[in-house]
């Protein structure tokens, strides 16, 4: 029986994946490199540290990881501040769970808790969430299940009674490793196939298309 819903954030509730792609293009172009679509798919849904470590290895970048994370986040935040919006169907699904009395949390490796809180307040959806599990909450990012287990613990809900909503294969893997039910959201056919392969229980093209029995 589902008692809690835990949401990923970037690309699921926040329309931000194109902004992360643009930020990475800017970050890597400054270093004479250009990421490929396959590389984007590889880092989709991973935390800041894992993403930067992947780029460092791919392009033989020797700079400090934390400094690169700070630069990446600063570029992204500048882009986001100019174009902050929810994904289609986000507000409606939050209202759906609120009316059902389901407690909700966010689990993201992309933002600090303070920054996440600011974004949620700007979007006027902070009230929906009992728990914010952000970048600093755990040492290992997705596909490690730590951040989902952390969120469940803070919610005081057994993982098997939690539903995860994810748009990234690594997030699906993390949710399933945590012992949770997982719904995948993928706007592109290749992403939907990757979500299914990662083990999602159900896959939809958007939040608006989710059907509950």
C-alpha atoms as a PDB file:
ATOM      1  CA  UNK A   1       0.000   0.000   0.000  1.00  0.00           C
ATOM      2  CA  UNK A   2       1.511   3.317  -1.103  1.00  0.00           C
ATOM      3  CA  UNK A   3       1.818   5.736   1.813  1.00  0.00           C
ATOM      4  CA  UNK A   4       4.430   8.132   0.416  1.00  0.00           C
ATOM      5  CA  UNK A   5       5.502   9.456  -2.968  1.00  0.00           C
ATOM      6  CA  UNK A   6       9.110  10.525  -3.499  1.00  0.00           C
ATOM      7  CA  UNK A   7       9.836  12.706  -6.513  1.00  0.00           C
ATOM      8  CA  UNK A   8      13.024  13.254  -8.413  1.00  0.00           C
ATOM      9  CA  UNK A   9      13.283  16.949  -9.260  1.00  0.00           C
ATOM     10  CA  UNK A  10      15.247  17.986 -12.346  1.00  0.00           C
ATOM     11  CA  UNK A  11      13.497  16.945 -15.519  1.00  0.00           C
ATOM     12  CA  UNK A  12      10.563  15.507 -13.592  1.00  0.00           C
ATOM     13  CA  UNK A  13       8.991  18.426 -11.696  1.00  0.00           C
ATOM     14  CA  UNK A  14      11.360  21.186 -12.808  1.00  0.00           C
ATOM     15  CA  UNK A  15      11.751  21.741 -16.561  1.00  0.00           C
ATOM     16  CA  UNK A  16      15.520  21.906 -16.287  1.00  0.00           C
ATOM     17  CA  UNK A  17      17.209  19.149 -18.290  1.00  0.00           C
ATOM     18  CA  UNK A  18      17.774  21.411 -21.338  1.00  0.00           C
ATOM     19  CA  UNK A  19      19.339  23.937 -18.961  1.00  0.00           C
ATOM     20  CA  UNK A  20      21.706  21.330 -17.492  1.00  0.00           C
ATOM     21  CA  UNK A  21      22.662  20.341 -21.051  1.00  0.00           C
ATOM     22  CA  UNK A  22      23.355  23.977 -21.907  1.00  0.00           C
ATOM     23  CA  UNK A  23      25.337  24.469 -18.701  1.00  0.00           C
ATOM     24  CA  UNK A  24      27.473  21.437 -19.503  1.00  0.00           C
ATOM     25  CA  UNK A  25      28.039  22.676 -23.043  1.00  0.00           C
ATOM     26  CA  UNK A  26      29.279  25.989 -21.650  1.00  0.00           C
ATOM     27  CA  UNK A  27      31.407  24.306 -18.964  1.00  0.00           C
ATOM     28  CA  UNK A  28      33.087  21.885 -21.352  1.00  0.00           C
ATOM     29  CA  UNK A  29      33.416  24.287 -24.282  1.00  0.00           C
ATOM     30  CA  UNK A  30      35.594  26.477 -22.059  1.00  0.00           C
ATOM     31  CA  UNK A  31      37.880  23.454 -21.839  1.00  0.00           C
ATOM     32  CA  UNK A  32      37.860  22.676 -25.549  1.00  0.00           C
ATOM     33  CA  UNK A  33      35.436  19.751 -25.332  1.00  0.00           C
ATOM     34  CA  UNK A  34      31.936  18.974 -26.579  1.00  0.00           C
ATOM     35  CA  UNK A  35      29.704  16.351 -24.904  1.00  0.00           C
ATOM     36  CA  UNK A  36      27.859  13.852 -27.087  1.00  0.00           C
ATOM     37  CA  UNK A  37      24.245  12.724 -26.760  1.00  0.00           C
ATOM     38  CA  UNK A  38      25.444   9.339 -25.492  1.00  0.00           C
ATOM     39  CA  UNK A  39      27.453  11.071 -22.774  1.00  0.00           C
ATOM     40  CA  UNK A  40      24.394  13.083 -21.728  1.00  0.00           C
ATOM     41  CA  UNK A  41      22.420   9.854 -21.439  1.00  0.00           C
ATOM     42  CA  UNK A  42      25.213   8.330 -19.368  1.00  0.00           C
ATOM     43  CA  UNK A  43      25.138  11.098 -16.751  1.00  0.00           C
ATOM     44  CA  UNK A  44      21.350  11.605 -16.803  1.00  0.00           C
ATOM     45  CA  UNK A  45      20.050  11.453 -13.251  1.00  0.00           C
ATOM     46  CA  UNK A  46      23.430  11.156 -11.553  1.00  0.00           C
ATOM     47  CA  UNK A  47      24.550  13.529  -8.807  1.00  0.00           C
ATOM     48  CA  UNK A  48      26.906  16.455  -9.289  1.00  0.00           C
ATOM     49  CA  UNK A  49      30.041  14.623  -8.211  1.00  0.00           C
ATOM     50  CA  UNK A  50      29.434  11.567 -10.384  1.00  0.00           C
ATOM     51  CA  UNK A  51      28.597  13.744 -13.397  1.00  0.00           C
ATOM     52  CA  UNK A  52      31.755  15.810 -13.049  1.00  0.00           C
ATOM     53  CA  UNK A  53      33.905  12.735 -12.461  1.00  0.00           C
ATOM     54  CA  UNK A  54      32.500  11.227 -15.662  1.00  0.00           C
ATOM     55  CA  UNK A  55      33.327  14.375 -17.621  1.00  0.00           C
ATOM     56  CA  UNK A  56      36.814  14.538 -16.120  1.00  0.00           C
ATOM     57  CA  UNK A  57      37.522  10.974 -17.176  1.00  0.00           C
ATOM     58  CA  UNK A  58      35.961  11.371 -20.635  1.00  0.00           C
ATOM     59  CA  UNK A  59      37.852  14.559 -21.500  1.00  0.00           C
ATOM     60  CA  UNK A  60      40.959  14.123 -19.355  1.00  0.00           C
ATOM     61  CA  UNK A  61      40.176  17.178 -17.232  1.00  0.00           C
ATOM     62  CA  UNK A  62      42.533  17.496 -14.268  1.00  0.00           C
ATOM     63  CA  UNK A  63      40.841  20.305 -12.346  1.00  0.00           C
ATOM     64  CA  UNK A  64      39.449  19.969  -8.835  1.00  0.00           C
ATOM     65  CA  UNK A  65      36.077  18.218  -8.764  1.00  0.00           C
ATOM     66  CA  UNK A  66      34.495  20.526  -6.179  1.00  0.00           C
ATOM     67  CA  UNK A  67      35.582  23.621  -8.088  1.00  0.00           C
ATOM     68  CA  UNK A  68      34.049  22.211 -11.272  1.00  0.00           C
ATOM     69  CA  UNK A  69      30.815  21.422  -9.435  1.00  0.00           C
ATOM     70  CA  UNK A  70      30.621  24.993  -8.157  1.00  0.00           C
ATOM     71  CA  UNK A  71      31.207  26.352 -11.660  1.00  0.00           C
ATOM     72  CA  UNK A  72      28.634  23.998 -13.200  1.00  0.00           C
ATOM     73  CA  UNK A  73      26.001  24.912 -10.608  1.00  0.00           C
ATOM     74  CA  UNK A  74      26.695  28.642 -11.007  1.00  0.00           C
ATOM     75  CA  UNK A  75      26.218  28.421 -14.788  1.00  0.00           C
ATOM     76  CA  UNK A  76      23.018  26.397 -14.341  1.00  0.00           C
ATOM     77  CA  UNK A  77      21.602  28.727 -11.692  1.00  0.00           C
ATOM     78  CA  UNK A  78      22.137  31.706 -13.972  1.00  0.00           C
ATOM     79  CA  UNK A  79      20.232  29.935 -16.758  1.00  0.00           C
ATOM     80  CA  UNK A  80      17.509  28.746 -14.388  1.00  0.00           C
ATOM     81  CA  UNK A  81      16.895  32.181 -12.919  1.00  0.00           C
ATOM     82  CA  UNK A  82      16.000  33.361 -16.421  1.00  0.00           C
ATOM     83  CA  UNK A  83      13.717  30.404 -17.205  1.00  0.00           C
ATOM     84  CA  UNK A  84      12.184  28.689 -14.162  1.00  0.00           C
ATOM     85  CA  UNK A  85       9.059  26.623 -14.797  1.00  0.00           C
ATOM     86  CA  UNK A  86       7.342  23.388 -13.851  1.00  0.00           C
ATOM     87  CA  UNK A  87       7.000  20.387 -16.120  1.00  0.00           C
ATOM     88  CA  UNK A  88       3.599  19.791 -17.676  1.00  0.00           C
ATOM     89  CA  UNK A  89       1.291  18.018 -15.223  1.00  0.00           C
ATOM     90  CA  UNK A  90       3.489  18.682 -12.182  1.00  0.00           C
ATOM     91  CA  UNK A  91       1.033  20.797 -10.207  1.00  0.00           C
ATOM     92  CA  UNK A  92      -1.850  18.454 -11.038  1.00  0.00           C
ATOM     93  CA  UNK A  93      -0.075  15.336  -9.779  1.00  0.00           C
ATOM     94  CA  UNK A  94       0.966  17.092  -6.574  1.00  0.00           C
ATOM     95  CA  UNK A  95      -2.668  18.013  -6.009  1.00  0.00           C
ATOM     96  CA  UNK A  96      -3.672  14.396  -6.720  1.00  0.00           C
ATOM     97  CA  UNK A  97      -1.452  13.031  -3.950  1.00  0.00           C
ATOM     98  CA  UNK A  98      -2.348  15.845  -1.572  1.00  0.00           C
ATOM     99  CA  UNK A  99      -6.054  15.032  -1.917  1.00  0.00           C
ATOM    100  CA  UNK A 100      -5.308  11.350  -1.265  1.00  0.00           C
ATOM    101  CA  UNK A 101      -3.437  12.271   1.910  1.00  0.00           C
ATOM    102  CA  UNK A 102      -0.166  10.813   0.617  1.00  0.00           C
ATOM    103  CA  UNK A 103       2.952  12.354   2.163  1.00  0.00           C
ATOM    104  CA  UNK A 104       5.501  13.606  -0.351  1.00  0.00           C
ATOM    105  CA  UNK A 105       9.246  14.175  -0.545  1.00  0.00           C
ATOM    106  CA  UNK A 106      11.876  15.209  -3.073  1.00  0.00           C
ATOM    107  CA  UNK A 107      15.111  13.267  -3.556  1.00  0.00           C
ATOM    108  CA  UNK A 108      17.660  15.044  -5.730  1.00  0.00           C
ATOM    109  CA  UNK A 109      21.409  15.089  -6.103  1.00  0.00           C
ATOM    110  CA  UNK A 110      21.353  18.196  -8.268  1.00  0.00           C
ATOM    111  CA  UNK A 111      20.808  20.888  -5.639  1.00  0.00           C
ATOM    112  CA  UNK A 112      21.653  21.776  -2.072  1.00  0.00           C
ATOM    113  CA  UNK A 113      18.711  21.819   0.325  1.00  0.00           C
ATOM    114  CA  UNK A 114      18.787  25.620   0.588  1.00  0.00           C
ATOM    115  CA  UNK A 115      18.767  26.100  -3.183  1.00  0.00           C
ATOM    116  CA  UNK A 116      16.041  23.478  -3.602  1.00  0.00           C
ATOM    117  CA  UNK A 117      13.947  25.232  -0.971  1.00  0.00           C
ATOM    118  CA  UNK A 118      14.360  28.556  -2.793  1.00  0.00           C
ATOM    119  CA  UNK A 119      13.290  27.049  -6.134  1.00  0.00           C
ATOM    120  CA  UNK A 120      10.249  25.365  -4.605  1.00  0.00           C
ATOM    121  CA  UNK A 121       9.187  28.612  -2.967  1.00  0.00           C
ATOM    122  CA  UNK A 122       9.601  30.471  -6.257  1.00  0.00           C
ATOM    123  CA  UNK A 123       7.456  27.863  -8.016  1.00  0.00           C
ATOM    124  CA  UNK A 124       4.933  27.997  -5.141  1.00  0.00           C
ATOM    125  CA  UNK A 125       4.996  24.238  -4.481  1.00  0.00           C
ATOM    126  CA  UNK A 126       7.042  24.039  -1.245  1.00  0.00           C
ATOM    127  CA  UNK A 127       3.912  23.298   0.812  1.00  0.00           C
ATOM    128  CA  UNK A 128       3.452  19.884  -0.795  1.00  0.00           C
ATOM    129  CA  UNK A 129       6.644  18.332   0.578  1.00  0.00           C
ATOM    130  CA  UNK A 130       7.262  17.028   4.079  1.00  0.00           C
ATOM    131  CA  UNK A 131      10.896  16.116   3.367  1.00  0.00           C
ATOM    132  CA  UNK A 132      13.609  17.510   1.094  1.00  0.00           C
ATOM    133  CA  UNK A 133      16.464  15.059   0.519  1.00  0.00           C
ATOM    134  CA  UNK A 134      19.104  17.071  -1.325  1.00  0.00           C
ATOM    135  CA  UNK A 135      22.712  16.813  -2.467  1.00  0.00           C
ATOM    136  CA  UNK A 136      24.346  17.037   0.947  1.00  0.00           C
ATOM    137  CA  UNK A 137      22.081  14.397   2.524  1.00  0.00           C
ATOM    138  CA  UNK A 138      24.124  11.392   1.343  1.00  0.00           C
ATOM    139  CA  UNK A 139      27.649  10.610   0.188  1.00  0.00           C
ATOM    140  CA  UNK A 140      26.685   8.495  -2.817  1.00  0.00           C
ATOM    141  CA  UNK A 141      24.419   9.692  -5.596  1.00  0.00           C
ATOM    142  CA  UNK A 142      22.017   7.735  -7.780  1.00  0.00           C
ATOM    143  CA  UNK A 143      22.079   4.911  -8.907  1.00  0.00           C
ATOM    144  CA  UNK A 144      23.009   4.225  -5.275  1.00  0.00           C
ATOM    145  CA  UNK A 145      19.734   3.977  -3.287  1.00  0.00           C
ATOM    146  CA  UNK A 146      21.007   6.067  -0.360  1.00  0.00           C
ATOM    147  CA  UNK A 147      19.034   9.237  -1.093  1.00  0.00           C
ATOM    148  CA  UNK A 148      15.746   7.343  -1.443  1.00  0.00           C
ATOM    149  CA  UNK A 149      16.362   5.393   1.732  1.00  0.00           C
ATOM    150  CA  UNK A 150      17.214   8.659   3.486  1.00  0.00           C
ATOM    151  CA  UNK A 151      13.941  10.218   2.317  1.00  0.00           C
ATOM    152  CA  UNK A 152      11.908   7.195   3.466  1.00  0.00           C
ATOM    153  CA  UNK A 153      13.598   7.285   6.859  1.00  0.00           C
ATOM    154  CA  UNK A 154      12.826  10.990   7.268  1.00  0.00           C
ATOM    155  CA  UNK A 155       9.217  10.358   6.215  1.00  0.00           C
ATOM    156  CA  UNK A 156       9.069   7.434   8.667  1.00  0.00           C
ATOM    157  CA  UNK A 157       7.602   5.235   5.933  1.00  0.00           C
ATOM    158  CA  UNK A 158       8.765   1.714   5.054  1.00  0.00           C
ATOM    159  CA  UNK A 159      10.530   1.755   1.641  1.00  0.00           C
ATOM    160  CA  UNK A 160       8.174  -0.917   0.304  1.00  0.00           C
ATOM    161  CA  UNK A 161       5.281   1.505   0.892  1.00  0.00           C
ATOM    162  CA  UNK A 162       6.942   4.299  -1.106  1.00  0.00           C
ATOM    163  CA  UNK A 163       6.338   5.239  -4.735  1.00  0.00           C
ATOM    164  CA  UNK A 164       9.172   6.877  -6.664  1.00  0.00           C
ATOM    165  CA  UNK A 165       8.678   9.057  -9.749  1.00  0.00           C
ATOM    166  CA  UNK A 166      11.785   9.338 -11.925  1.00  0.00           C
ATOM    167  CA  UNK A 167      12.807  10.542 -15.375  1.00  0.00           C
ATOM    168  CA  UNK A 168      16.304   9.015 -15.396  1.00  0.00           C
ATOM    169  CA  UNK A 169      17.459   5.381 -15.617  1.00  0.00           C
ATOM    170  CA  UNK A 170      19.947   5.885 -12.775  1.00  0.00           C
ATOM    171  CA  UNK A 171      17.125   7.169 -10.598  1.00  0.00           C
ATOM    172  CA  UNK A 172      14.956   4.168 -11.458  1.00  0.00           C
ATOM    173  CA  UNK A 173      17.791   1.842 -10.488  1.00  0.00           C
ATOM    174  CA  UNK A 174      18.205   3.733  -7.203  1.00  0.00           C
ATOM    175  CA  UNK A 175      14.500   3.489  -6.412  1.00  0.00           C
ATOM    176  CA  UNK A 176      14.317  -0.213  -7.171  1.00  0.00           C
ATOM    177  CA  UNK A 177      17.462  -0.904  -5.112  1.00  0.00           C
ATOM    178  CA  UNK A 178      15.737   0.897  -2.244  1.00  0.00           C
ATOM    179  CA  UNK A 179      12.874  -1.589  -2.530  1.00  0.00           C
ATOM    180  CA  UNK A 180      10.342   0.952  -3.761  1.00  0.00           C
ATOM    181  CA  UNK A 181       7.741   1.000  -6.519  1.00  0.00           C
ATOM    182  CA  UNK A 182       8.980   3.142  -9.414  1.00  0.00           C
ATOM    183  CA  UNK A 183       7.182   4.988 -12.205  1.00  0.00           C
ATOM    184  CA  UNK A 184       9.351   6.260 -15.044  1.00  0.00           C
ATOM    185  CA  UNK A 185       8.613   9.365 -17.094  1.00  0.00           C
ATOM    186  CA  UNK A 186      10.282   9.716 -20.492  1.00  0.00           C
ATOM    187  CA  UNK A 187       9.365  12.167 -23.235  1.00  0.00           C
ATOM    188  CA  UNK A 188      11.642  10.440 -25.752  1.00  0.00           C
ATOM    189  CA  UNK A 189      11.298   6.793 -26.917  1.00  0.00           C
ATOM    190  CA  UNK A 190      14.980   6.066 -26.197  1.00  0.00           C
ATOM    191  CA  UNK A 191      14.578   7.319 -22.621  1.00  0.00           C
ATOM    192  CA  UNK A 192      11.402   5.282 -22.090  1.00  0.00           C
ATOM    193  CA  UNK A 193      13.230   2.164 -23.271  1.00  0.00           C
ATOM    194  CA  UNK A 194      16.100   2.909 -20.893  1.00  0.00           C
ATOM    195  CA  UNK A 195      13.659   3.416 -18.013  1.00  0.00           C
ATOM    196  CA  UNK A 196      12.043   0.045 -18.720  1.00  0.00           C
ATOM    197  CA  UNK A 197      15.430  -1.649 -18.947  1.00  0.00           C
ATOM    198  CA  UNK A 198      16.410  -0.040 -15.620  1.00  0.00           C
ATOM    199  CA  UNK A 199      13.430  -1.777 -14.001  1.00  0.00           C
ATOM    200  CA  UNK A 200      10.617   0.785 -13.821  1.00  0.00           C
ATOM    201  CA  UNK A 201       7.308  -0.821 -12.869  1.00  0.00           C
ATOM    202  CA  UNK A 202       5.459   1.451 -15.288  1.00  0.00           C
ATOM    203  CA  UNK A 203       6.569   4.069 -17.821  1.00  0.00           C
ATOM    204  CA  UNK A 204       4.643   7.079 -19.134  1.00  0.00           C
ATOM    205  CA  UNK A 205       5.469   9.894 -21.536  1.00  0.00           C
ATOM    206  CA  UNK A 206       4.568  12.666 -19.079  1.00  0.00           C
ATOM    207  CA  UNK A 207       3.228  13.315 -15.605  1.00  0.00           C
ATOM    208  CA  UNK A 208      -0.105  14.202 -17.213  1.00  0.00           C
ATOM    209  CA  UNK A 209      -0.445  10.692 -18.644  1.00  0.00           C
ATOM    210  CA  UNK A 210       0.050   8.771 -15.402  1.00  0.00           C
ATOM    211  CA  UNK A 211      -2.906   6.522 -14.709  1.00  0.00           C
ATOM    212  CA  UNK A 212      -3.577   5.181 -11.226  1.00  0.00           C
ATOM    213  CA  UNK A 213      -5.670   2.056 -10.695  1.00  0.00           C
END
